[in-house]
PDB file of N, CA and C in Angstrom:
ATOM      1  N   MET A   1     -12.738  50.274 -94.585  1.00  0.00           N
ATOM      2  CA  MET A   1     -13.711  50.490 -93.911  1.00  0.00           C
ATOM      3  C   MET A   1     -13.809  51.752 -94.273  1.00  0.00           C
ATOM      4  N   GLN A   2     -15.251  52.319 -94.323  1.00  0.00           N
ATOM      5  CA  GLN A   2     -15.915  53.415 -94.889  1.00  0.00           C
ATOM      6  C   GLN A   2     -16.781  54.214 -93.844  1.00  0.00           C
ATOM      7  N   LYS A   3     -16.163  55.554 -93.653  1.00  0.00           N
ATOM      8  CA  LYS A   3     -16.928  56.334 -92.751  1.00  0.00           C
ATOM      9  C   LYS A   3     -18.246  56.641 -92.438  1.00  0.00           C
ATOM     10  N   PRO A   4     -19.017  56.862 -91.758  1.00  0.00           N
ATOM     11  CA  PRO A   4     -20.985  57.183 -91.916  1.00  0.00           C
ATOM     12  C   PRO A   4     -20.390  58.206 -92.107  1.00  0.00           C
ATOM     13  N   ALA A   5     -21.474  58.267 -93.201  1.00  0.00           N
ATOM     14  CA  ALA A   5     -21.916  59.408 -93.755  1.00  0.00           C
ATOM     15  C   ALA A   5     -22.412  60.746 -92.302  1.00  0.00           C
ATOM     16  N   LEU A   6     -21.625  61.694 -92.349  1.00  0.00           N
ATOM     17  CA  LEU A   6     -22.574  63.075 -91.410  1.00  0.00           C
ATOM     18  C   LEU A   6     -23.210  63.903 -91.833  1.00  0.00           C
ATOM     19  N   VAL A   7     -24.151  63.766 -90.964  1.00  0.00           N
ATOM     20  CA  VAL A   7     -24.958  65.217 -91.225  1.00  0.00           C
ATOM     21  C   VAL A   7     -24.796  65.604 -90.410  1.00  0.00           C
ATOM     22  N   VAL A   8     -24.720  67.588 -90.543  1.00  0.00           N
ATOM     23  CA  VAL A   8     -24.315  68.545 -89.291  1.00  0.00           C
ATOM     24  C   VAL A   8     -24.647  69.697 -90.008  1.00  0.00           C
ATOM     25  N   GLU A   9     -26.361  70.042 -88.822  1.00  0.00           N
ATOM     26  CA  GLU A   9     -26.507  71.096 -89.208  1.00  0.00           C
ATOM     27  C   GLU A   9     -26.277  72.565 -88.439  1.00  0.00           C
ATOM     28  N   LYS A  10     -25.082  73.247 -88.033  1.00  0.00           N
ATOM     29  CA  LYS A  10     -24.552  74.159 -87.593  1.00  0.00           C
ATOM     30  C   LYS A  10     -24.067  75.406 -88.588  1.00  0.00           C
ATOM     31  N   ALA A  11     -24.733  76.855 -88.484  1.00  0.00           N
ATOM     32  CA  ALA A  11     -24.586  77.149 -88.286  1.00  0.00           C
ATOM     33  C   ALA A  11     -23.220  77.956 -88.466  1.00  0.00           C
ATOM     34  N   THR A  12     -22.568  78.453 -89.490  1.00  0.00           N
ATOM     35  CA  THR A  12     -20.845  79.556 -89.353  1.00  0.00           C
ATOM     36  C   THR A  12     -21.493  80.724 -88.703  1.00  0.00           C
ATOM     37  N   ASN A  13     -21.473  81.151 -87.657  1.00  0.00           N
ATOM     38  CA  ASN A  13     -21.113  82.776 -87.824  1.00  0.00           C
ATOM     39  C   ASN A  13     -19.891  83.267 -86.528  1.00  0.00           C
ATOM     40  N   ASP A  14     -18.905  82.245 -87.336  1.00  0.00           N
ATOM     41  CA  ASP A  14     -17.970  82.537 -86.073  1.00  0.00           C
ATOM     42  C   ASP A  14     -17.506  83.990 -86.403  1.00  0.00           C
ATOM     43  N   SER A  15     -16.575  84.523 -85.687  1.00  0.00           N
ATOM     44  CA  SER A  15     -15.978  85.717 -86.049  1.00  0.00           C
ATOM     45  C   SER A  15     -14.426  85.572 -86.848  1.00  0.00           C
ATOM     46  N   ASN A  16     -14.087  83.912 -86.479  1.00  0.00           N
ATOM     47  CA  ASN A  16     -12.765  83.197 -87.404  1.00  0.00           C
ATOM     48  C   ASN A  16     -13.140  83.228 -88.414  1.00  0.00           C
ATOM     49  N   TYR A  17     -14.680  83.147 -88.985  1.00  0.00           N
ATOM     50  CA  TYR A  17     -13.667  82.364 -90.352  1.00  0.00           C
ATOM     51  C   TYR A  17     -13.325  83.031 -91.210  1.00  0.00           C
ATOM     52  N   THR A  18     -13.402  84.495 -91.370  1.00  0.00           N
ATOM     53  CA  THR A  18     -12.271  85.562 -92.537  1.00  0.00           C
ATOM     54  C   THR A  18     -10.999  84.485 -92.110  1.00  0.00           C
ATOM     55  N   GLN A  19     -10.267  84.793 -91.008  1.00  0.00           N
ATOM     56  CA  GLN A  19      -8.849  84.531 -90.847  1.00  0.00           C
ATOM     57  C   GLN A  19      -9.096  82.887 -91.288  1.00  0.00           C
ATOM     58  N   GLU A  20      -9.208  81.680 -91.197  1.00  0.00           N
ATOM     59  CA  GLU A  20      -9.724  80.709 -90.918  1.00  0.00           C
ATOM     60  C   GLU A  20      -9.869  80.446 -92.681  1.00  0.00           C
ATOM     61  N   SER A  21     -10.243  81.305 -93.478  1.00  0.00           N
ATOM     62  CA  SER A  21     -10.334  81.194 -94.855  1.00  0.00           C
ATOM     63  C   SER A  21      -8.823  81.486 -95.442  1.00  0.00           C
ATOM     64  N   GLN A  22      -8.252  82.343 -94.978  1.00  0.00           N
ATOM     65  CA  GLN A  22      -7.312  83.291 -95.301  1.00  0.00           C
ATOM     66  C   GLN A  22      -5.873  81.890 -95.394  1.00  0.00           C
ATOM     67  N   ASN A  23      -6.478  81.053 -93.585  1.00  0.00           N
ATOM     68  CA  ASN A  23      -5.085  80.335 -93.988  1.00  0.00           C
ATOM     69  C   ASN A  23      -5.538  79.387 -94.464  1.00  0.00           C
ATOM     70  N   LEU A  24      -6.465  78.406 -94.922  1.00  0.00           N
ATOM     71  CA  LEU A  24      -7.339  78.051 -96.512  1.00  0.00           C
ATOM     72  C   LEU A  24      -5.979  77.638 -97.255  1.00  0.00           C
ATOM     73  N   GLN A  25      -5.956  79.389 -97.732  1.00  0.00           N
ATOM     74  CA  GLN A  25      -5.363  79.834 -99.140  1.00  0.00           C
ATOM     75  C   GLN A  25      -3.364  78.717 -98.516  1.00  0.00           C
ATOM     76  N   GLU A  26      -3.235  79.092 -96.696  1.00  0.00           N
ATOM     77  CA  GLU A  26      -1.599  78.504 -97.084  1.00  0.00           C
ATOM     78  C   GLU A  26      -1.654  76.929 -97.027  1.00  0.00           C
ATOM     79  N   ARG A  27      -2.619  76.694 -96.364  1.00  0.00           N
ATOM     80  CA  ARG A  27      -2.538  74.952 -96.031  1.00  0.00           C
ATOM     81  C   ARG A  27      -4.151  74.416 -95.836  1.00  0.00           C
ATOM     82  N   GLU A  28      -4.172  73.921 -97.714  1.00  0.00           N
ATOM     83  CA  GLU A  28      -5.403  72.817 -97.631  1.00  0.00           C
ATOM     84  C   GLU A  28      -4.898  71.585 -97.580  1.00  0.00           C
ATOM     85  N   GLY A  29      -5.775  70.645 -97.466  1.00  0.00           N
ATOM     86  CA  GLY A  29      -5.514  69.051 -97.016  1.00  0.00           C
ATOM     87  C   GLY A  29      -6.641  68.463 -97.014  1.00  0.00           C
ATOM     88  N   GLY A  30      -7.268  67.030 -96.165  1.00  0.00           N
ATOM     89  CA  GLY A  30      -7.652  66.350 -95.718  1.00  0.00           C
ATOM     90  C   GLY A  30      -7.654  66.682 -94.472  1.00  0.00           C
ATOM     91  N   VAL A  31      -8.028  67.172 -93.395  1.00  0.00           N
ATOM     92  CA  VAL A  31      -8.716  67.083 -91.953  1.00  0.00           C
ATOM     93  C   VAL A  31      -9.288  66.206 -91.179  1.00  0.00           C
ATOM     94  N   VAL A  32      -9.244  66.237 -89.883  1.00  0.00           N
ATOM     95  CA  VAL A  32     -10.064  65.536 -89.357  1.00  0.00           C
ATOM     96  C   VAL A  32     -10.827  65.909 -88.077  1.00  0.00           C
ATOM     97  N   VAL A  33     -11.708  65.208 -88.241  1.00  0.00           N
ATOM     98  CA  VAL A  33     -12.087  66.029 -86.602  1.00  0.00           C
ATOM     99  C   VAL A  33     -13.015  64.914 -85.580  1.00  0.00           C
ATOM    100  N   SER A  34     -13.511  65.142 -84.806  1.00  0.00           N
ATOM    101  CA  SER A  34     -14.078  64.404 -83.764  1.00  0.00           C
ATOM    102  C   SER A  34     -15.881  64.414 -83.423  1.00  0.00           C
ATOM    103  N   ILE A  35     -16.137  63.249 -83.804  1.00  0.00           N
ATOM    104  CA  ILE A  35     -17.923  63.205 -83.719  1.00  0.00           C
ATOM    105  C   ILE A  35     -18.443  64.079 -82.015  1.00  0.00           C
ATOM    106  N   ASN A  36     -16.979  64.053 -81.051  1.00  0.00           N
ATOM    107  CA  ASN A  36     -17.084  65.170 -79.768  1.00  0.00           C
ATOM    108  C   ASN A  36     -17.066  66.271 -79.485  1.00  0.00           C
ATOM    109  N   SER A  37     -16.226  67.221 -81.085  1.00  0.00           N
ATOM    110  CA  SER A  37     -16.273  68.118 -81.051  1.00  0.00           C
ATOM    111  C   SER A  37     -16.323  68.845 -81.809  1.00  0.00           C
ATOM    112  N   ASP A  38     -16.187  70.879 -82.136  1.00  0.00           N
ATOM    113  CA  ASP A  38     -17.022  70.950 -83.192  1.00  0.00           C
ATOM    114  C   ASP A  38     -15.494  71.699 -84.080  1.00  0.00           C
ATOM    115  N   LYS A  39     -14.453  71.388 -83.617  1.00  0.00           N
ATOM    116  CA  LYS A  39     -13.194  71.460 -84.009  1.00  0.00           C
ATOM    117  C   LYS A  39     -12.681  70.732 -84.914  1.00  0.00           C
ATOM    118  N   TYR A  40     -11.477  71.084 -85.997  1.00  0.00           N
ATOM    119  CA  TYR A  40     -11.445  70.592 -87.058  1.00  0.00           C
ATOM    120  C   TYR A  40      -9.506  69.938 -86.825  1.00  0.00           C
ATOM    121  N   HIS A  41      -9.086  69.607 -87.653  1.00  0.00           N
ATOM    122  CA  HIS A  41      -7.841  69.239 -87.315  1.00  0.00           C
ATOM    123  C   HIS A  41      -7.237  68.797 -87.917  1.00  0.00           C
ATOM    124  N   TYR A  42      -5.511  69.001 -88.729  1.00  0.00           N
ATOM    125  CA  TYR A  42      -4.898  68.815 -90.061  1.00  0.00           C
ATOM    126  C   TYR A  42      -4.205  67.639 -89.482  1.00  0.00           C
ATOM    127  N   PRO A  43      -3.804  66.762 -89.834  1.00  0.00           N
ATOM    128  CA  PRO A  43      -3.833  65.791 -89.831  1.00  0.00           C
ATOM    129  C   PRO A  43      -2.413  65.896 -88.749  1.00  0.00           C
ATOM    130  N   ASP A  44      -1.852  66.381 -88.486  1.00  0.00           N
ATOM    131  CA  ASP A  44      -0.083  66.692 -88.226  1.00  0.00           C
ATOM    132  C   ASP A  44      -0.380  67.335 -87.509  1.00  0.00           C
ATOM    133  N   CYS A  45      -1.416  67.970 -86.505  1.00  0.00           N
ATOM    134  CA  CYS A  45      -1.584  68.600 -85.774  1.00  0.00           C
ATOM    135  C   CYS A  45      -2.006  68.144 -84.203  1.00  0.00           C
ATOM    136  N   PRO A  46      -0.744  68.061 -83.007  1.00  0.00           N
ATOM    137  CA  PRO A  46      -1.466  67.358 -81.975  1.00  0.00           C
ATOM    138  C   PRO A  46      -2.678  67.136 -81.473  1.00  0.00           C
ATOM    139  N   GLY A  47      -3.265  67.542 -81.822  1.00  0.00           N
ATOM    140  CA  GLY A  47      -4.914  67.413 -81.037  1.00  0.00           C
ATOM    141  C   GLY A  47      -5.425  65.766 -82.111  1.00  0.00           C
ATOM    142  N   ALA A  48      -4.616  65.974 -83.484  1.00  0.00           N
ATOM    143  CA  ALA A  48      -5.668  65.631 -84.260  1.00  0.00           C
ATOM    144  C   ALA A  48      -5.395  63.935 -83.703  1.00  0.00           C
ATOM    145  N   ASP A  49      -3.975  63.288 -83.445  1.00  0.00           N
ATOM    146  CA  ASP A  49      -3.765  62.313 -82.850  1.00  0.00           C
ATOM    147  C   ASP A  49      -4.502  61.763 -81.281  1.00  0.00           C
ATOM    148  N   ARG A  50      -5.185  62.573 -80.782  1.00  0.00           N
ATOM    149  CA  ARG A  50      -5.788  62.271 -79.648  1.00  0.00           C
ATOM    150  C   ARG A  50      -7.259  62.007 -80.303  1.00  0.00           C
ATOM    151  N   ILE A  51      -7.816  62.541 -81.012  1.00  0.00           N
ATOM    152  CA  ILE A  51      -8.901  61.382 -81.222  1.00  0.00           C
ATOM    153  C   ILE A  51      -9.104  60.168 -81.277  1.00  0.00           C
ATOM    154  N   LYS A  52      -9.772  59.649 -81.164  1.00  0.00           N
ATOM    155  CA  LYS A  52      -9.754  57.739 -80.940  1.00  0.00           C
ATOM    156  C   LYS A  52     -10.511  57.688 -82.332  1.00  0.00           C
ATOM    157  N   GLU A  53      -9.409  56.628 -82.799  1.00  0.00           N
ATOM    158  CA  GLU A  53      -9.848  56.413 -84.105  1.00  0.00           C
ATOM    159  C   GLU A  53     -11.705  56.020 -84.724  1.00  0.00           C
ATOM    160  N   GLU A  54     -12.178  55.414 -83.829  1.00  0.00           N
ATOM    161  CA  GLU A  54     -13.781  55.494 -83.599  1.00  0.00           C
ATOM    162  C   GLU A  54     -14.226  56.644 -83.926  1.00  0.00           C
ATOM    163  N   ASN A  55     -13.970  58.094 -83.026  1.00  0.00           N
ATOM    164  CA  ASN A  55     -14.989  59.241 -83.167  1.00  0.00           C
ATOM    165  C   ASN A  55     -14.234  60.058 -84.472  1.00  0.00           C
ATOM    166  N   LYS A  56     -13.687  59.806 -85.627  1.00  0.00           N
ATOM    167  CA  LYS A  56     -12.584  60.082 -86.164  1.00  0.00           C
ATOM    168  C   LYS A  56     -13.590  60.203 -87.298  1.00  0.00           C
ATOM    169  N   ILE A  57     -14.219  61.745 -88.077  1.00  0.00           N
ATOM    170  CA  ILE A  57     -14.539  61.940 -89.030  1.00  0.00           C
ATOM    171  C   ILE A  57     -13.490  62.651 -90.002  1.00  0.00           C
ATOM    172  N   TYR A  58     -13.363  62.291 -91.445  1.00  0.00           N
ATOM    173  CA  TYR A  58     -12.061  62.664 -92.414  1.00  0.00           C
ATOM    174  C   TYR A  58     -13.130  63.708 -93.582  1.00  0.00           C
ATOM    175  N   PHE A  59     -12.414  64.816 -93.115  1.00  0.00           N
ATOM    176  CA  PHE A  59     -13.320  65.683 -94.692  1.00  0.00           C
ATOM    177  C   PHE A  59     -11.874  65.806 -95.429  1.00  0.00           C
ATOM    178  N   ALA A  60     -12.837  66.103 -96.536  1.00  0.00           N
ATOM    179  CA  ALA A  60     -11.755  66.081 -98.109  1.00  0.00           C
ATOM    180  C   ALA A  60     -10.381  67.223 -97.640  1.00  0.00           C
ATOM    181  N   SER A  61     -11.495  68.412 -96.873  1.00  0.00           N
ATOM    182  CA  SER A  61     -10.669  69.566 -96.640  1.00  0.00           C
ATOM    183  C   SER A  61     -11.577  70.901 -96.092  1.00  0.00           C
ATOM    184  N   ALA A  62     -10.795  71.327 -95.312  1.00  0.00           N
ATOM    185  CA  ALA A  62     -10.650  72.078 -94.172  1.00  0.00           C
ATOM    186  C   ALA A  62     -12.308  72.835 -94.661  1.00  0.00           C
ATOM    187  N   ALA A  63     -11.763  73.504 -95.958  1.00  0.00           N
ATOM    188  CA  ALA A  63     -12.983  74.201 -96.443  1.00  0.00           C
ATOM    189  C   ALA A  63     -14.825  73.289 -96.420  1.00  0.00           C
ATOM    190  N   GLU A  64     -14.431  71.912 -96.466  1.00  0.00           N
ATOM    191  CA  GLU A  64     -15.370  71.678 -96.131  1.00  0.00           C
ATOM    192  C   GLU A  64     -15.862  71.320 -95.011  1.00  0.00           C
ATOM    193  N   ALA A  65     -15.285  71.260 -93.866  1.00  0.00           N
ATOM    194  CA  ALA A  65     -15.045  70.801 -92.412  1.00  0.00           C
ATOM    195  C   ALA A  65     -15.783  72.590 -92.169  1.00  0.00           C
ATOM    196  N   ILE A  66     -15.288  73.207 -92.892  1.00  0.00           N
ATOM    197  CA  ILE A  66     -15.738  74.820 -91.972  1.00  0.00           C
ATOM    198  C   ILE A  66     -17.277  75.036 -92.961  1.00  0.00           C
ATOM    199  N   GLU A  67     -17.649  74.480 -93.802  1.00  0.00           N
ATOM    200  CA  GLU A  67     -18.922  74.593 -94.599  1.00  0.00           C
ATOM    201  C   GLU A  67     -20.184  73.833 -93.168  1.00  0.00           C
ATOM    202  N   ALA A  68     -19.628  72.687 -92.759  1.00  0.00           N
ATOM    203  CA  ALA A  68     -19.767  71.993 -92.198  1.00  0.00           C
ATOM    204  C   ALA A  68     -20.233  72.423 -91.145  1.00  0.00           C
ATOM    205  N   GLY A  69     -19.240  73.401 -90.637  1.00  0.00           N
ATOM    206  CA  GLY A  69     -19.805  73.963 -89.070  1.00  0.00           C
ATOM    207  C   GLY A  69     -19.076  74.011 -88.165  1.00  0.00           C
ATOM    208  N   PHE A  70     -17.472  73.514 -88.840  1.00  0.00           N
ATOM    209  CA  PHE A  70     -16.259  73.194 -87.864  1.00  0.00           C
ATOM    210  C   PHE A  70     -15.664  74.630 -87.346  1.00  0.00           C
ATOM    211  N   ILE A  71     -14.951  74.816 -86.960  1.00  0.00           N
ATOM    212  CA  ILE A  71     -13.941  75.620 -86.357  1.00  0.00           C
ATOM    213  C   ILE A  71     -12.249  74.668 -86.240  1.00  0.00           C
ATOM    214  N   LEU A  72     -11.220  76.006 -86.158  1.00  0.00           N
ATOM    215  CA  LEU A  72      -9.781  75.042 -86.676  1.00  0.00           C
ATOM    216  C   LEU A  72      -9.834  75.057 -84.806  1.00  0.00           C
ATOM    217  N   ALA A  73      -8.964  74.396 -84.720  1.00  0.00           N
ATOM    218  CA  ALA A  73      -8.905  74.007 -83.317  1.00  0.00           C
ATOM    219  C   ALA A  73      -7.476  74.820 -82.758  1.00  0.00           C
ATOM    220  N   GLY A  74      -7.347  75.582 -81.569  1.00  0.00           N
ATOM    221  CA  GLY A  74      -6.619  76.240 -81.720  1.00  0.00           C
ATOM    222  C   GLY A  74      -5.046  75.495 -81.513  1.00  0.00           C
ATOM    223  N   ASN A  75      -5.044  74.816 -80.956  1.00  0.00           N
ATOM    224  CA  ASN A  75      -3.897  74.203 -81.192  1.00  0.00           C
ATOM    225  C   ASN A  75      -3.211  74.102 -82.557  1.00  0.00           C
ATOM    226  N   CYS A  76      -3.899  74.441 -83.902  1.00  0.00           N
ATOM    227  CA  CYS A  76      -3.366  73.516 -85.096  1.00  0.00           C
ATOM    228  C   CYS A  76      -3.518  74.633 -86.423  1.00  0.00           C
ATOM    229  N   LYS A  77      -2.718  75.971 -85.913  1.00  0.00           N
ATOM    230  CA  LYS A  77      -3.023  76.951 -86.449  1.00  0.00           C
ATOM    231  C   LYS A  77      -1.224  76.774 -87.880  1.00  0.00           C
TER     232      LYS A  77
END
């Protein structure tokens, strides 16, 4: 089943953006977000397991999630 398209209109003006960009160089791959949150998780992070499958939205990379306005979850460093 293909996930529905997501349109996010949220500006990224977070001071953690630079740190997150640096983290991307160390760890890249697909990420997951919840439709109820502004955080993204790597699949092996504890928070990713707590998102109900019907609420998950997948991005091909953390860079795509950041571009869409999501920030890295605190428990996913």
